[in-house]
Amino acid sequence: MTRTNNWKAIGSLAFLFALITAVAAWAHGPGHGPGGFGGRAGGYSGGLLLQLVYPCQANCANTDHTCDETADSNALTCISGACATEISAAQSACASDRSSQTCFDAITALRTCGQDCLSTRTTALMDCREAFDTCREACVAATPTPAP
């Protein structure tokens, strides 16, 4: 009896995990995984075909992707300029053992040094997401509703 209850519990947990994963993927919207507008899973053509069916949403996803890349690039440039010493120290400390305390401390120092750049990146990514959501809402609003 206990063995059956354990399997039921494991099955319930597996189902719950799958449900949470699906909801998280759905919340991110199209373009964030295989089959989405930006899905680039090898050989899967569903995302590519959806760009033809929903060009407005595909444009939103492409613009969002570019916006995210720009935020990342700007943050890397900012940190590279502001924290050259910390970058070099982290590279040296982590070269032989990424799990060492020395590596951890060097990365912590780099994170502290780059905090302003990382905060700016976070704000930029939030702006990207807001623009993406607004774009998608505009696409939905512009799509004619089929007659019953």
C-alpha atoms as a PDB file:
ATOM      1  CA  MET A   1       0.000   0.000   0.000  1.00  0.00           C
ATOM      2  CA  THR A   2       2.797   2.406   0.885  1.00  0.00           C
ATOM      3  CA  ARG A   3       4.552   1.609  -2.349  1.00  0.00           C
ATOM      4  CA  THR A   4       1.418   2.544  -4.339  1.00  0.00           C
ATOM      5  CA  ASN A   5       1.072   5.819  -2.439  1.00  0.00           C
ATOM      6  CA  ASN A   6       4.715   6.651  -3.139  1.00  0.00           C
ATOM      7  CA  TRP A   7       4.190   6.118  -6.857  1.00  0.00           C
ATOM      8  CA  LYS A   8       1.061   8.259  -6.754  1.00  0.00           C
ATOM      9  CA  ALA A   9       3.011  11.006  -5.007  1.00  0.00           C
ATOM     10  CA  ILE A  10       5.831  10.782  -7.540  1.00  0.00           C
ATOM     11  CA  GLY A  11       3.327  10.837 -10.398  1.00  0.00           C
ATOM     12  CA  SER A  12       1.586  13.849  -8.902  1.00  0.00           C
ATOM     13  CA  LEU A  13       4.873  15.683  -8.493  1.00  0.00           C
ATOM     14  CA  ALA A  14       5.876  14.877 -12.075  1.00  0.00           C
ATOM     15  CA  PHE A  15       2.534  16.165 -13.328  1.00  0.00           C
ATOM     16  CA  LEU A  16       2.851  19.309 -11.206  1.00  0.00           C
ATOM     17  CA  PHE A  17       6.371  19.941 -12.542  1.00  0.00           C
ATOM     18  CA  ALA A  18       5.174  19.491 -16.134  1.00  0.00           C
ATOM     19  CA  LEU A  19       2.258  21.844 -15.497  1.00  0.00           C
ATOM     20  CA  ILE A  20       4.479  24.509 -13.945  1.00  0.00           C
ATOM     21  CA  THR A  21       6.922  24.227 -16.840  1.00  0.00           C
ATOM     22  CA  ALA A  22       4.126  24.549 -19.396  1.00  0.00           C
ATOM     23  CA  VAL A  23       2.625  27.571 -17.652  1.00  0.00           C
ATOM     24  CA  ALA A  24       6.038  29.246 -17.446  1.00  0.00           C
ATOM     25  CA  ALA A  25       6.642  28.654 -21.153  1.00  0.00           C
ATOM     26  CA  TRP A  26       3.171  29.930 -22.009  1.00  0.00           C
ATOM     27  CA  ALA A  27       3.721  33.053 -19.898  1.00  0.00           C
ATOM     28  CA  HIS A  28       6.798  33.939 -21.897  1.00  0.00           C
ATOM     29  CA  GLY A  29       4.708  33.940 -25.036  1.00  0.00           C
ATOM     30  CA  PRO A  30       5.744  33.092 -28.572  1.00  0.00           C
ATOM     31  CA  GLY A  31       9.370  33.350 -29.465  1.00  0.00           C
ATOM     32  CA  HIS A  32      10.753  31.892 -26.294  1.00  0.00           C
ATOM     33  CA  GLY A  33      11.367  28.286 -27.145  1.00  0.00           C
ATOM     34  CA  PRO A  34      11.055  25.645 -29.838  1.00  0.00           C
ATOM     35  CA  GLY A  35       8.055  26.291 -32.015  1.00  0.00           C
ATOM     36  CA  GLY A  36       7.682  29.886 -30.895  1.00  0.00           C
ATOM     37  CA  PHE A  37       8.257  32.744 -33.262  1.00  0.00           C
ATOM     38  CA  GLY A  38      11.894  32.916 -32.252  1.00  0.00           C
ATOM     39  CA  GLY A  39      12.238  29.162 -31.742  1.00  0.00           C
ATOM     40  CA  ARG A  40      15.394  28.018 -33.397  1.00  0.00           C
ATOM     41  CA  ALA A  41      15.358  24.352 -32.440  1.00  0.00           C
ATOM     42  CA  GLY A  42      17.248  22.444 -35.100  1.00  0.00           C
ATOM     43  CA  GLY A  43      14.972  21.230 -37.849  1.00  0.00           C
ATOM     44  CA  TYR A  44      11.684  22.297 -36.272  1.00  0.00           C
ATOM     45  CA  SER A  45       9.847  24.344 -38.871  1.00  0.00           C
ATOM     46  CA  GLY A  46       6.740  25.204 -36.858  1.00  0.00           C
ATOM     47  CA  GLY A  47       8.164  28.496 -35.616  1.00  0.00           C
ATOM     48  CA  LEU A  48       9.328  29.410 -39.080  1.00  0.00           C
ATOM     49  CA  LEU A  49       5.905  28.732 -40.579  1.00  0.00           C
ATOM     50  CA  LEU A  50       4.170  30.685 -37.824  1.00  0.00           C
ATOM     51  CA  GLN A  51       6.133  33.742 -38.944  1.00  0.00           C
ATOM     52  CA  LEU A  52       4.246  33.521 -42.231  1.00  0.00           C
ATOM     53  CA  VAL A  53       0.889  33.037 -40.546  1.00  0.00           C
ATOM     54  CA  TYR A  54       1.417  35.735 -37.896  1.00  0.00           C
ATOM     55  CA  PRO A  55       3.851  38.269 -39.379  1.00  0.00           C
ATOM     56  CA  CYS A  56       2.925  41.012 -36.909  1.00  0.00           C
ATOM     57  CA  GLN A  57       3.725  38.842 -33.874  1.00  0.00           C
ATOM     58  CA  ALA A  58       6.882  37.569 -35.576  1.00  0.00           C
ATOM     59  CA  ASN A  59       7.999  41.160 -36.052  1.00  0.00           C
ATOM     60  CA  CYS A  60       7.369  41.808 -32.348  1.00  0.00           C
ATOM     61  CA  ALA A  61       9.482  38.772 -31.422  1.00  0.00           C
ATOM     62  CA  ASN A  62      12.323  39.808 -33.739  1.00  0.00           C
ATOM     63  CA  THR A  63      12.296  43.344 -32.354  1.00  0.00           C
ATOM     64  CA  ASP A  64      12.306  41.945 -28.798  1.00  0.00           C
ATOM     65  CA  HIS A  65      15.254  39.677 -29.610  1.00  0.00           C
ATOM     66  CA  THR A  66      17.219  42.614 -31.027  1.00  0.00           C
ATOM     67  CA  CYS A  67      16.324  44.747 -28.008  1.00  0.00           C
ATOM     68  CA  ASP A  68      17.547  42.022 -25.615  1.00  0.00           C
ATOM     69  CA  GLU A  69      20.798  41.618 -27.545  1.00  0.00           C
ATOM     70  CA  THR A  70      21.380  45.383 -27.441  1.00  0.00           C
ATOM     71  CA  ALA A  71      20.824  45.462 -23.668  1.00  0.00           C
ATOM     72  CA  ASP A  72      23.310  42.609 -23.219  1.00  0.00           C
ATOM     73  CA  SER A  73      25.872  44.186 -25.524  1.00  0.00           C
ATOM     74  CA  ASN A  74      25.609  47.549 -23.779  1.00  0.00           C
ATOM     75  CA  ALA A  75      26.024  45.889 -20.369  1.00  0.00           C
ATOM     76  CA  LEU A  76      29.114  43.972 -21.509  1.00  0.00           C
ATOM     77  CA  THR A  77      30.642  47.147 -22.926  1.00  0.00           C
ATOM     78  CA  CYS A  78      29.848  49.033 -19.729  1.00  0.00           C
ATOM     79  CA  ILE A  79      31.316  46.359 -17.452  1.00  0.00           C
ATOM     80  CA  SER A  80      34.376  45.911 -19.669  1.00  0.00           C
ATOM     81  CA  GLY A  81      35.101  49.621 -19.423  1.00  0.00           C
ATOM     82  CA  ALA A  82      34.415  49.982 -15.717  1.00  0.00           C
ATOM     83  CA  CYS A  83      35.796  46.725 -14.328  1.00  0.00           C
ATOM     84  CA  ALA A  84      38.854  45.690 -16.357  1.00  0.00           C
ATOM     85  CA  THR A  85      40.853  44.855 -13.231  1.00  0.00           C
ATOM     86  CA  GLU A  86      38.047  42.732 -11.778  1.00  0.00           C
ATOM     87  CA  ILE A  87      37.551  40.915 -15.085  1.00  0.00           C
ATOM     88  CA  SER A  88      41.239  40.047 -15.270  1.00  0.00           C
ATOM     89  CA  ALA A  89      41.249  38.895 -11.636  1.00  0.00           C
ATOM     90  CA  ALA A  90      38.189  36.694 -12.212  1.00  0.00           C
ATOM     91  CA  GLN A  91      39.690  35.176 -15.352  1.00  0.00           C
ATOM     92  CA  SER A  92      42.866  34.307 -13.467  1.00  0.00           C
ATOM     93  CA  ALA A  93      41.090  33.050 -10.350  1.00  0.00           C
ATOM     94  CA  CYS A  94      38.679  30.852 -12.308  1.00  0.00           C
ATOM     95  CA  ALA A  95      41.093  29.504 -14.926  1.00  0.00           C
ATOM     96  CA  SER A  96      42.036  26.350 -13.035  1.00  0.00           C
ATOM     97  CA  ASP A  97      38.997  25.754 -10.802  1.00  0.00           C
ATOM     98  CA  ARG A  98      35.627  27.341 -11.439  1.00  0.00           C
ATOM     99  CA  SER A  99      34.273  26.000  -8.157  1.00  0.00           C
ATOM    100  CA  SER A 100      37.009  27.436  -5.918  1.00  0.00           C
ATOM    101  CA  GLN A 101      36.360  30.039  -3.259  1.00  0.00           C
ATOM    102  CA  THR A 102      38.906  32.295  -4.975  1.00  0.00           C
ATOM    103  CA  CYS A 103      36.895  32.147  -8.197  1.00  0.00           C
ATOM    104  CA  PHE A 104      33.648  32.771  -6.309  1.00  0.00           C
ATOM    105  CA  ASP A 105      35.167  35.789  -4.539  1.00  0.00           C
ATOM    106  CA  ALA A 106      36.537  37.200  -7.801  1.00  0.00           C
ATOM    107  CA  ILE A 107      33.161  36.885  -9.522  1.00  0.00           C
ATOM    108  CA  THR A 108      31.480  38.493  -6.521  1.00  0.00           C
ATOM    109  CA  ALA A 109      33.909  41.409  -6.799  1.00  0.00           C
ATOM    110  CA  LEU A 110      33.195  41.659 -10.531  1.00  0.00           C
ATOM    111  CA  ARG A 111      29.436  41.608  -9.892  1.00  0.00           C
ATOM    112  CA  THR A 112      29.819  44.361  -7.293  1.00  0.00           C
ATOM    113  CA  CYS A 113      31.915  46.456  -9.667  1.00  0.00           C
ATOM    114  CA  GLY A 114      29.432  45.990 -12.527  1.00  0.00           C
ATOM    115  CA  GLN A 115      26.296  46.496 -10.442  1.00  0.00           C
ATOM    116  CA  ASP A 116      25.356  49.814 -12.061  1.00  0.00           C
ATOM    117  CA  CYS A 117      25.792  48.313 -15.531  1.00  0.00           C
ATOM    118  CA  LEU A 118      23.743  45.251 -14.543  1.00  0.00           C
ATOM    119  CA  SER A 119      20.983  47.437 -13.105  1.00  0.00           C
ATOM    120  CA  THR A 120      20.858  49.419 -16.332  1.00  0.00           C
ATOM    121  CA  ARG A 121      20.631  46.129 -18.253  1.00  0.00           C
ATOM    122  CA  THR A 122      17.751  44.939 -16.067  1.00  0.00           C
ATOM    123  CA  THR A 123      15.864  48.173 -16.696  1.00  0.00           C
ATOM    124  CA  ALA A 124      16.511  47.904 -20.429  1.00  0.00           C
ATOM    125  CA  LEU A 125      15.291  44.283 -20.493  1.00  0.00           C
ATOM    126  CA  MET A 126      12.117  45.293 -18.643  1.00  0.00           C
ATOM    127  CA  ASP A 127      11.576  48.031 -21.227  1.00  0.00           C
ATOM    128  CA  CYS A 128      12.116  45.448 -23.994  1.00  0.00           C
ATOM    129  CA  ARG A 129       9.529  43.157 -22.441  1.00  0.00           C
ATOM    130  CA  GLU A 130       7.017  45.975 -22.045  1.00  0.00           C
ATOM    131  CA  ALA A 131       7.485  46.998 -25.676  1.00  0.00           C
ATOM    132  CA  PHE A 132       7.087  43.352 -26.735  1.00  0.00           C
ATOM    133  CA  ASP A 133       3.838  42.998 -24.783  1.00  0.00           C
ATOM    134  CA  THR A 134       2.512  46.276 -26.208  1.00  0.00           C
ATOM    135  CA  CYS A 135       3.439  45.161 -29.716  1.00  0.00           C
ATOM    136  CA  ARG A 136       1.696  41.800 -29.307  1.00  0.00           C
ATOM    137  CA  GLU A 137      -1.419  43.486 -27.897  1.00  0.00           C
ATOM    138  CA  ALA A 138      -1.470  45.801 -30.924  1.00  0.00           C
ATOM    139  CA  CYS A 139      -1.215  42.777 -33.225  1.00  0.00           C
ATOM    140  CA  VAL A 140      -4.135  41.087 -31.493  1.00  0.00           C
ATOM    141  CA  ALA A 141      -6.191  44.286 -31.636  1.00  0.00           C
ATOM    142  CA  ALA A 142      -5.452  44.678 -35.353  1.00  0.00           C
ATOM    143  CA  THR A 143      -6.400  41.089 -36.201  1.00  0.00           C
ATOM    144  CA  PRO A 144      -9.943  40.916 -37.535  1.00  0.00           C
ATOM    145  CA  THR A 145     -12.262  38.596 -35.652  1.00  0.00           C
ATOM    146  CA  PRO A 146     -13.698  35.876 -37.905  1.00  0.00           C
ATOM    147  CA  ALA A 147     -17.418  36.012 -38.513  1.00  0.00           C
ATOM    148  CA  PRO A 148     -19.427  33.332 -36.688  1.00  0.00           C
END
